[in-house]
Each structure stands twice: as structure tokens, then as C-alpha cells.
Amino acid sequence: KLPLELSFIDFYSIVLGAVFIIILSSYYPA
């Protein structure tokens, strides 16, 4: 069976990384 387990550290890293990229992408055109 395909083992699946998402850790809190990985989840927060994904969200924070994505948010950081979005902020940078929005700042320059603004």
C-alpha cells in the first residue's frame, strides 16, 4: 500500500514558501 504521511513541518514549509513567492511576485508589478 502506498504509504502517506504529511508532517507539520513540511506542510508549514510548503505554505510559507508559496506565500513568500506570491508576495515577491505581487510586489514588483505593484
Full PDB file with SEQRES, HELIX, SHEET, SSBOND, CRYST1, ORIGX, SCALE, CONECT and MASTER records, all heavy atoms in Angstrom:
SEQRES   1 A   30  LYS LEU PRO LEU GLU LEU SER PHE ILE ASP PHE TYR SER          
SEQRES   2 A   30  ILE VAL LEU GLY ALA VAL PHE ILE ILE ILE LEU SER SER          
SEQRES   3 A   30  TYR TYR PRO ALA                                              
HELIX    1 AA1 PHE A    8  TYR A   27  1                                  20    
CRYST1    1.000    1.000    1.000  90.00  90.00  90.00 P 1           1          
ORIGX1      1.000000  0.000000  0.000000        0.00000                         
ORIGX2      0.000000  1.000000  0.000000        0.00000                         
ORIGX3      0.000000  0.000000  1.000000        0.00000                         
SCALE1      1.000000  0.000000  0.000000        0.00000                         
SCALE2      0.000000  1.000000  0.000000        0.00000                         
SCALE3      0.000000  0.000000  1.000000        0.00000                         
ATOM      1  N   LYS A   1       0.839  -1.196   0.000  1.00  0.00           N  
ATOM      2  CA  LYS A   1       0.000   0.000   0.000  1.00  0.00           C  
ATOM      3  C   LYS A   1       0.873   1.245   0.000  1.00  0.00           C  
ATOM      4  O   LYS A   1       1.905   1.289   0.667  1.00  0.00           O  
ATOM      5  CB  LYS A   1      -0.916  -0.007   1.226  1.00  0.00           C  
ATOM      6  CG  LYS A   1      -2.012   1.041   1.182  1.00  0.00           C  
ATOM      7  CD  LYS A   1      -2.932   0.891   2.375  1.00  0.00           C  
ATOM      8  CE  LYS A   1      -4.062   1.931   2.326  1.00  0.00           C  
ATOM      9  NZ  LYS A   1      -4.968   1.805   3.485  1.00  0.00           N  
ATOM     10  N   LEU A   2       0.465   2.243  -0.751  1.00  0.00           N  
ATOM     11  CA  LEU A   2       1.235   3.484  -0.839  1.00  0.00           C  
ATOM     12  C   LEU A   2       1.236   4.191   0.517  1.00  0.00           C  
ATOM     13  O   LEU A   2       0.188   4.622   1.003  1.00  0.00           O  
ATOM     14  CB  LEU A   2       0.633   4.405  -1.899  1.00  0.00           C  
ATOM     15  CG  LEU A   2       1.438   5.666  -2.247  1.00  0.00           C  
ATOM     16  CD1 LEU A   2       2.744   5.293  -2.919  1.00  0.00           C  
ATOM     17  CD2 LEU A   2       0.618   6.580  -3.152  1.00  0.00           C  
ATOM     18  N   PRO A   3       2.403   4.313   1.173  1.00  0.00           N  
ATOM     19  CA  PRO A   3       2.445   4.977   2.485  1.00  0.00           C  
ATOM     20  C   PRO A   3       2.374   6.492   2.343  1.00  0.00           C  
ATOM     21  O   PRO A   3       3.077   7.078   1.527  1.00  0.00           O  
ATOM     22  CB  PRO A   3       3.808   4.545   3.045  1.00  0.00           C  
ATOM     23  CG  PRO A   3       4.638   4.268   1.851  1.00  0.00           C  
ATOM     24  CD  PRO A   3       3.709   3.813   0.753  1.00  0.00           C  
ATOM     25  N   LEU A   4       1.517   7.128   3.127  1.00  0.00           N  
ATOM     26  CA  LEU A   4       1.321   8.580   3.064  1.00  0.00           C  
ATOM     27  C   LEU A   4       1.325   9.161   4.467  1.00  0.00           C  
ATOM     28  O   LEU A   4       0.595   8.704   5.352  1.00  0.00           O  
ATOM     29  CB  LEU A   4      -0.016   8.915   2.380  1.00  0.00           C  
ATOM     30  CG  LEU A   4      -0.150   8.519   0.901  1.00  0.00           C  
ATOM     31  CD1 LEU A   4      -1.602   8.430   0.511  1.00  0.00           C  
ATOM     32  CD2 LEU A   4       0.577   9.512   0.020  1.00  0.00           C  
ATOM     33  N   GLU A   5       2.155  10.157   4.685  1.00  0.00           N  
ATOM     34  CA  GLU A   5       2.179  10.850   5.979  1.00  0.00           C  
ATOM     35  C   GLU A   5       2.794  12.231   5.785  1.00  0.00           C  
ATOM     36  O   GLU A   5       3.983  12.355   5.461  1.00  0.00           O  
ATOM     37  CB  GLU A   5       2.983  10.049   7.008  1.00  0.00           C  
ATOM     38  CG  GLU A   5       2.942  10.681   8.391  1.00  0.00           C  
ATOM     39  CD  GLU A   5       3.613   9.820   9.439  1.00  0.00           C  
ATOM     40  OE1 GLU A   5       3.621   8.591   9.283  1.00  0.00           O  
ATOM     41  OE2 GLU A   5       4.145  10.392  10.414  1.00  0.00           O  
ATOM     42  N   LEU A   6       1.978  13.255   5.977  1.00  0.00           N  
ATOM     43  CA  LEU A   6       2.441  14.638   5.817  1.00  0.00           C  
ATOM     44  C   LEU A   6       2.762  15.229   7.182  1.00  0.00           C  
ATOM     45  O   LEU A   6       1.890  15.310   8.045  1.00  0.00           O  
ATOM     46  CB  LEU A   6       1.377  15.482   5.116  1.00  0.00           C  
ATOM     47  CG  LEU A   6       1.756  16.938   4.816  1.00  0.00           C  
ATOM     48  CD1 LEU A   6       2.881  17.008   3.802  1.00  0.00           C  
ATOM     49  CD2 LEU A   6       0.549  17.713   4.303  1.00  0.00           C  
ATOM     50  N   SER A   7       4.006  15.621   7.377  1.00  0.00           N  
ATOM     51  CA  SER A   7       4.405  16.199   8.665  1.00  0.00           C  
ATOM     52  C   SER A   7       4.019  17.675   8.718  1.00  0.00           C  
ATOM     53  O   SER A   7       3.886  18.341   7.684  1.00  0.00           O  
ATOM     54  CB  SER A   7       5.913  16.056   8.874  1.00  0.00           C  
ATOM     55  OG  SER A   7       6.622  16.874   7.960  1.00  0.00           O  
ATOM     56  N   PHE A   8       3.851  18.190   9.929  1.00  0.00           N  
ATOM     57  CA  PHE A   8       3.504  19.600  10.117  1.00  0.00           C  
ATOM     58  C   PHE A   8       4.609  20.509   9.599  1.00  0.00           C  
ATOM     59  O   PHE A   8       4.344  21.565   9.027  1.00  0.00           O  
ATOM     60  CB  PHE A   8       3.243  19.897  11.600  1.00  0.00           C  
ATOM     61  CG  PHE A   8       1.933  19.359  12.103  1.00  0.00           C  
ATOM     62  CD1 PHE A   8       1.898  18.281  12.965  1.00  0.00           C  
ATOM     63  CD2 PHE A   8       0.732  19.928  11.700  1.00  0.00           C  
ATOM     64  CE1 PHE A   8       0.686  17.775  13.426  1.00  0.00           C  
ATOM     65  CE2 PHE A   8      -0.481  19.442  12.146  1.00  0.00           C  
ATOM     66  CZ  PHE A   8      -0.507  18.356  13.021  1.00  0.00           C  
ATOM     67  N   ILE A   9       5.861  20.090   9.792  1.00  0.00           N  
ATOM     68  CA  ILE A   9       6.990  20.915   9.342  1.00  0.00           C  
ATOM     69  C   ILE A   9       6.963  21.072   7.824  1.00  0.00           C  
ATOM     70  O   ILE A   9       7.135  22.179   7.295  1.00  0.00           O  
ATOM     71  CB  ILE A   9       8.326  20.289   9.797  1.00  0.00           C  
ATOM     72  CG1 ILE A   9       8.433  20.325  11.319  1.00  0.00           C  
ATOM     73  CG2 ILE A   9       9.507  21.016   9.162  1.00  0.00           C  
ATOM     74  CD1 ILE A   9       9.650  19.622  11.872  1.00  0.00           C  
ATOM     75  N   ASP A  10       6.726  19.954   7.116  1.00  0.00           N  
ATOM     76  CA  ASP A  10       6.667  20.010   5.649  1.00  0.00           C  
ATOM     77  C   ASP A  10       5.484  20.847   5.184  1.00  0.00           C  
ATOM     78  O   ASP A  10       5.593  21.625   4.222  1.00  0.00           O  
ATOM     79  CB  ASP A  10       6.566  18.604   5.065  1.00  0.00           C  
ATOM     80  CG  ASP A  10       7.874  17.852   5.154  1.00  0.00           C  
ATOM     81  OD1 ASP A  10       8.921  18.515   5.229  1.00  0.00           O  
ATOM     82  OD2 ASP A  10       7.864  16.613   5.164  1.00  0.00           O  
ATOM     83  N   PHE A  11       4.340  20.682   5.853  1.00  0.00           N  
ATOM     84  CA  PHE A  11       3.142  21.437   5.469  1.00  0.00           C  
ATOM     85  C   PHE A  11       3.376  22.938   5.623  1.00  0.00           C  
ATOM     86  O   PHE A  11       3.089  23.724   4.705  1.00  0.00           O  
ATOM     87  CB  PHE A  11       1.951  20.998   6.315  1.00  0.00           C  
ATOM     88  CG  PHE A  11       0.704  21.796   6.064  1.00  0.00           C  
ATOM     89  CD1 PHE A  11      -0.020  21.651   4.885  1.00  0.00           C  
ATOM     90  CD2 PHE A  11       0.247  22.718   6.999  1.00  0.00           C  
ATOM     91  CE1 PHE A  11      -1.160  22.393   4.643  1.00  0.00           C  
ATOM     92  CE2 PHE A  11      -0.889  23.471   6.771  1.00  0.00           C  
ATOM     93  CZ  PHE A  11      -1.600  23.306   5.590  1.00  0.00           C  
ATOM     94  N   TYR A  12       3.909  23.339   6.778  1.00  0.00           N  
ATOM     95  CA  TYR A  12       4.163  24.767   7.005  1.00  0.00           C  
ATOM     96  C   TYR A  12       5.247  25.292   6.069  1.00  0.00           C  
ATOM     97  O   TYR A  12       5.190  26.449   5.633  1.00  0.00           O  
ATOM     98  CB  TYR A  12       4.556  25.006   8.462  1.00  0.00           C  
ATOM     99  CG  TYR A  12       3.400  24.870   9.428  1.00  0.00           C  
ATOM    100  CD1 TYR A  12       3.478  24.052  10.549  1.00  0.00           C  
ATOM    101  CD2 TYR A  12       2.207  25.560   9.209  1.00  0.00           C  
ATOM    102  CE1 TYR A  12       2.413  23.921  11.427  1.00  0.00           C  
ATOM    103  CE2 TYR A  12       1.139  25.435  10.079  1.00  0.00           C  
ATOM    104  CZ  TYR A  12       1.243  24.616  11.186  1.00  0.00           C  
ATOM    105  OH  TYR A  12       0.191  24.483  12.043  1.00  0.00           O  
ATOM    106  N   SER A  13       6.240  24.459   5.750  1.00  0.00           N  
ATOM    107  CA  SER A  13       7.293  24.878   4.812  1.00  0.00           C  
ATOM    108  C   SER A  13       6.713  25.135   3.428  1.00  0.00           C  
ATOM    109  O   SER A  13       7.086  26.103   2.753  1.00  0.00           O  
ATOM    110  CB  SER A  13       8.382  23.801   4.719  1.00  0.00           C  
ATOM    111  OG  SER A  13       9.001  23.604   5.968  1.00  0.00           O  
ATOM    112  N   ILE A  14       5.795  24.258   3.004  1.00  0.00           N  
ATOM    113  CA  ILE A  14       5.144  24.428   1.697  1.00  0.00           C  
ATOM    114  C   ILE A  14       4.338  25.712   1.669  1.00  0.00           C  
ATOM    115  O   ILE A  14       4.443  26.517   0.741  1.00  0.00           O  
ATOM    116  CB  ILE A  14       4.236  23.217   1.387  1.00  0.00           C  
ATOM    117  CG1 ILE A  14       5.083  21.959   1.163  1.00  0.00           C  
ATOM    118  CG2 ILE A  14       3.368  23.486   0.156  1.00  0.00           C  
ATOM    119  CD1 ILE A  14       4.285  20.675   1.162  1.00  0.00           C  
ATOM    120  N   VAL A  15       3.520  25.920   2.705  1.00  0.00           N  
ATOM    121  CA  VAL A  15       2.649  27.102   2.749  1.00  0.00           C  
ATOM    122  C   VAL A  15       3.475  28.383   2.832  1.00  0.00           C  
ATOM    123  O   VAL A  15       3.233  29.341   2.080  1.00  0.00           O  
ATOM    124  CB  VAL A  15       1.672  27.011   3.944  1.00  0.00           C  
ATOM    125  CG1 VAL A  15       0.871  28.311   4.091  1.00  0.00           C  
ATOM    126  CG2 VAL A  15       0.719  25.837   3.755  1.00  0.00           C  
ATOM    127  N   LEU A  16       4.475  28.400   3.733  1.00  0.00           N  
ATOM    128  CA  LEU A  16       5.300  29.601   3.889  1.00  0.00           C  
ATOM    129  C   LEU A  16       6.105  29.889   2.625  1.00  0.00           C  
ATOM    130  O   LEU A  16       6.243  31.052   2.227  1.00  0.00           O  
ATOM    131  CB  LEU A  16       6.245  29.434   5.088  1.00  0.00           C  
ATOM    132  CG  LEU A  16       5.579  29.460   6.468  1.00  0.00           C  
ATOM    133  CD1 LEU A  16       6.599  29.159   7.559  1.00  0.00           C  
ATOM    134  CD2 LEU A  16       4.906  30.799   6.736  1.00  0.00           C  
ATOM    135  N   GLY A  17       6.636  28.830   1.992  1.00  0.00           N  
ATOM    136  CA  GLY A  17       7.381  29.011   0.747  1.00  0.00           C  
ATOM    137  C   GLY A  17       6.509  29.578  -0.357  1.00  0.00           C  
ATOM    138  O   GLY A  17       6.918  30.491  -1.085  1.00  0.00           O  
ATOM    139  N   ALA A  18       5.285  29.038  -0.478  1.00  0.00           N  
ATOM    140  CA  ALA A  18       4.357  29.516  -1.506  1.00  0.00           C  
ATOM    141  C   ALA A  18       3.941  30.963  -1.239  1.00  0.00           C  
ATOM    142  O   ALA A  18       3.875  31.784  -2.159  1.00  0.00           O  
ATOM    143  CB  ALA A  18       3.126  28.608  -1.563  1.00  0.00           C  
ATOM    144  N   VAL A  19       3.658  31.279   0.027  1.00  0.00           N  
ATOM    145  CA  VAL A  19       3.264  32.653   0.397  1.00  0.00           C  
ATOM    146  C   VAL A  19       4.392  33.628   0.086  1.00  0.00           C  
ATOM    147  O   VAL A  19       4.156  34.727  -0.438  1.00  0.00           O  
ATOM    148  CB  VAL A  19       2.886  32.718   1.892  1.00  0.00           C  
ATOM    149  CG1 VAL A  19       2.753  34.169   2.360  1.00  0.00           C  
ATOM    150  CG2 VAL A  19       1.573  31.977   2.137  1.00  0.00           C  
ATOM    151  N   PHE A  20       5.630  33.240   0.398  1.00  0.00           N  
ATOM    152  CA  PHE A  20       6.789  34.102   0.136  1.00  0.00           C  
ATOM    153  C   PHE A  20       6.924  34.387  -1.361  1.00  0.00           C  
ATOM    154  O   PHE A  20       7.173  35.531  -1.770  1.00  0.00           O  
ATOM    155  CB  PHE A  20       8.049  33.429   0.678  1.00  0.00           C  
ATOM    156  CG  PHE A  20       9.302  34.228   0.462  1.00  0.00           C  
ATOM    157  CD1 PHE A  20       9.550  35.380   1.199  1.00  0.00           C  
ATOM    158  CD2 PHE A  20      10.238  33.825  -0.486  1.00  0.00           C  
ATOM    159  CE1 PHE A  20      10.708  36.122   0.994  1.00  0.00           C  
ATOM    160  CE2 PHE A  20      11.392  34.553  -0.698  1.00  0.00           C  
ATOM    161  CZ  PHE A  20      11.619  35.710   0.049  1.00  0.00           C  
ATOM    162  N   ILE A  21       6.757  33.351  -2.184  1.00  0.00           N  
ATOM    163  CA  ILE A  21       6.847  33.516  -3.644  1.00  0.00           C  
ATOM    164  C   ILE A  21       5.742  34.436  -4.156  1.00  0.00           C  
ATOM    165  O   ILE A  21       5.975  35.301  -5.009  1.00  0.00           O  
ATOM    166  CB  ILE A  21       6.781  32.139  -4.340  1.00  0.00           C  
ATOM    167  CG1 ILE A  21       8.063  31.345  -4.054  1.00  0.00           C  
ATOM    168  CG2 ILE A  21       6.605  32.292  -5.848  1.00  0.00           C  
ATOM    169  CD1 ILE A  21       8.020  29.910  -4.515  1.00  0.00           C  
ATOM    170  N   ILE A  22       4.537  34.276  -3.618  1.00  0.00           N  
ATOM    171  CA  ILE A  22       3.389  35.109  -4.039  1.00  0.00           C  
ATOM    172  C   ILE A  22       3.633  36.572  -3.674  1.00  0.00           C  
ATOM    173  O   ILE A  22       3.346  37.485  -4.465  1.00  0.00           O  
ATOM    174  CB  ILE A  22       2.087  34.609  -3.384  1.00  0.00           C  
ATOM    175  CG1 ILE A  22       1.765  33.187  -3.843  1.00  0.00           C  
ATOM    176  CG2 ILE A  22       0.928  35.535  -3.717  1.00  0.00           C  
ATOM    177  CD1 ILE A  22       1.661  32.990  -5.325  1.00  0.00           C  
ATOM    178  N   ILE A  23       4.158  36.806  -2.489  1.00  0.00           N  
ATOM    179  CA  ILE A  23       4.428  38.189  -2.052  1.00  0.00           C  
ATOM    180  C   ILE A  23       5.436  38.858  -2.977  1.00  0.00           C  
ATOM    181  O   ILE A  23       5.250  40.008  -3.400  1.00  0.00           O  
ATOM    182  CB  ILE A  23       4.927  38.201  -0.588  1.00  0.00           C  
ATOM    183  CG1 ILE A  23       3.779  37.834   0.363  1.00  0.00           C  
ATOM    184  CG2 ILE A  23       5.491  39.575  -0.214  1.00  0.00           C  
ATOM    185  CD1 ILE A  23       4.209  37.640   1.799  1.00  0.00           C  
ATOM    186  N   LEU A  24       6.525  38.120  -3.291  1.00  0.00           N  
ATOM    187  CA  LEU A  24       7.531  38.677  -4.197  1.00  0.00           C  
ATOM    188  C   LEU A  24       6.959  38.935  -5.587  1.00  0.00           C  
ATOM    189  O   LEU A  24       7.258  39.950  -6.222  1.00  0.00           O  
ATOM    190  CB  LEU A  24       8.721  37.715  -4.307  1.00  0.00           C  
ATOM    191  CG  LEU A  24       9.656  37.615  -3.109  1.00  0.00           C  
ATOM    192  CD1 LEU A  24      10.783  36.642  -3.410  1.00  0.00           C  
ATOM    193  CD2 LEU A  24      10.239  38.974  -2.732  1.00  0.00           C  
ATOM    194  N   SER A  25       6.122  38.002  -6.049  1.00  0.00           N  
ATOM    195  CA  SER A  25       5.534  38.138  -7.390  1.00  0.00           C  
ATOM    196  C   SER A  25       4.558  39.299  -7.473  1.00  0.00           C  
ATOM    197  O   SER A  25       4.389  39.900  -8.542  1.00  0.00           O  
ATOM    198  CB  SER A  25       4.810  36.839  -7.767  1.00  0.00           C  
ATOM    199  OG  SER A  25       5.693  35.746  -7.723  1.00  0.00           O  
ATOM    200  N   SER A  26       3.926  39.617  -6.358  1.00  0.00           N  
ATOM    201  CA  SER A  26       2.932  40.702  -6.358  1.00  0.00           C  
ATOM    202  C   SER A  26       3.568  42.071  -6.141  1.00  0.00           C  
ATOM    203  O   SER A  26       3.018  43.093  -6.567  1.00  0.00           O  
ATOM    204  CB  SER A  26       1.887  40.449  -5.261  1.00  0.00           C  
ATOM    205  OG  SER A  26       1.262  39.199  -5.435  1.00  0.00           O  
ATOM    206  N   TYR A  27       4.735  42.060  -5.479  1.00  0.00           N  
ATOM    207  CA  TYR A  27       5.328  43.347  -5.098  1.00  0.00           C  
ATOM    208  C   TYR A  27       5.849  44.115  -6.313  1.00  0.00           C  
ATOM    209  O   TYR A  27       5.614  45.335  -6.435  1.00  0.00           O  
ATOM    210  CB  TYR A  27       6.466  43.123  -4.099  1.00  0.00           C  
ATOM    211  CG  TYR A  27       7.149  44.396  -3.688  1.00  0.00           C  
ATOM    212  CD1 TYR A  27       6.563  45.238  -2.737  1.00  0.00           C  
ATOM    213  CD2 TYR A  27       8.363  44.782  -4.254  1.00  0.00           C  
ATOM    214  CE1 TYR A  27       7.175  46.425  -2.363  1.00  0.00           C  
ATOM    215  CE2 TYR A  27       8.983  45.967  -3.885  1.00  0.00           C  
ATOM    216  CZ  TYR A  27       8.382  46.789  -2.943  1.00  0.00           C  
ATOM    217  OH  TYR A  27       8.988  47.965  -2.576  1.00  0.00           O  
ATOM    218  N   TYR A  28       6.556  43.432  -7.230  1.00  0.00           N  
ATOM    219  CA  TYR A  28       7.178  44.131  -8.359  1.00  0.00           C  
ATOM    220  C   TYR A  28       6.151  44.830  -9.256  1.00  0.00           C  
ATOM    221  O   TYR A  28       6.294  46.036  -9.541  1.00  0.00           O  
ATOM    222  CB  TYR A  28       8.034  43.166  -9.172  1.00  0.00           C  
ATOM    223  CG  TYR A  28       8.628  43.791 -10.406  1.00  0.00           C  
ATOM    224  CD1 TYR A  28       9.649  44.736 -10.319  1.00  0.00           C  
ATOM    225  CD2 TYR A  28       8.145  43.457 -11.672  1.00  0.00           C  
ATOM    226  CE1 TYR A  28      10.185  45.317 -11.453  1.00  0.00           C  
ATOM    227  CE2 TYR A  28       8.672  44.040 -12.815  1.00  0.00           C  
ATOM    228  CZ  TYR A  28       9.696  44.969 -12.699  1.00  0.00           C  
ATOM    229  OH  TYR A  28      10.214  45.555 -13.817  1.00  0.00           O  
ATOM    230  N   PRO A  29       5.076  44.153  -9.727  1.00  0.00           N  
ATOM    231  CA  PRO A  29       4.075  44.854 -10.549  1.00  0.00           C  
ATOM    232  C   PRO A  29       3.390  45.988  -9.790  1.00  0.00           C  
ATOM    233  O   PRO A  29       3.055  47.020 -10.390  1.00  0.00           O  
ATOM    234  CB  PRO A  29       3.074  43.746 -10.908  1.00  0.00           C  
ATOM    235  CG  PRO A  29       3.828  42.476 -10.755  1.00  0.00           C  
ATOM    236  CD  PRO A  29       4.758  42.715  -9.626  1.00  0.00           C  
ATOM    237  N   ALA A  30       3.172  45.787  -8.463  1.00  0.00           N  
ATOM    238  CA  ALA A  30       2.540  46.843  -7.660  1.00  0.00           C  
ATOM    239  C   ALA A  30       3.429  48.080  -7.607  1.00  0.00           C  
ATOM    240  O   ALA A  30       2.946  49.223  -7.674  1.00  0.00           O  
ATOM    241  CB  ALA A  30       2.263  46.325  -6.247  1.00  0.00           C  
TER     242      ALA A  30                                                      
MASTER        0    0    0    1    0    0    0    6  241    1    0    3          
END                                                                             
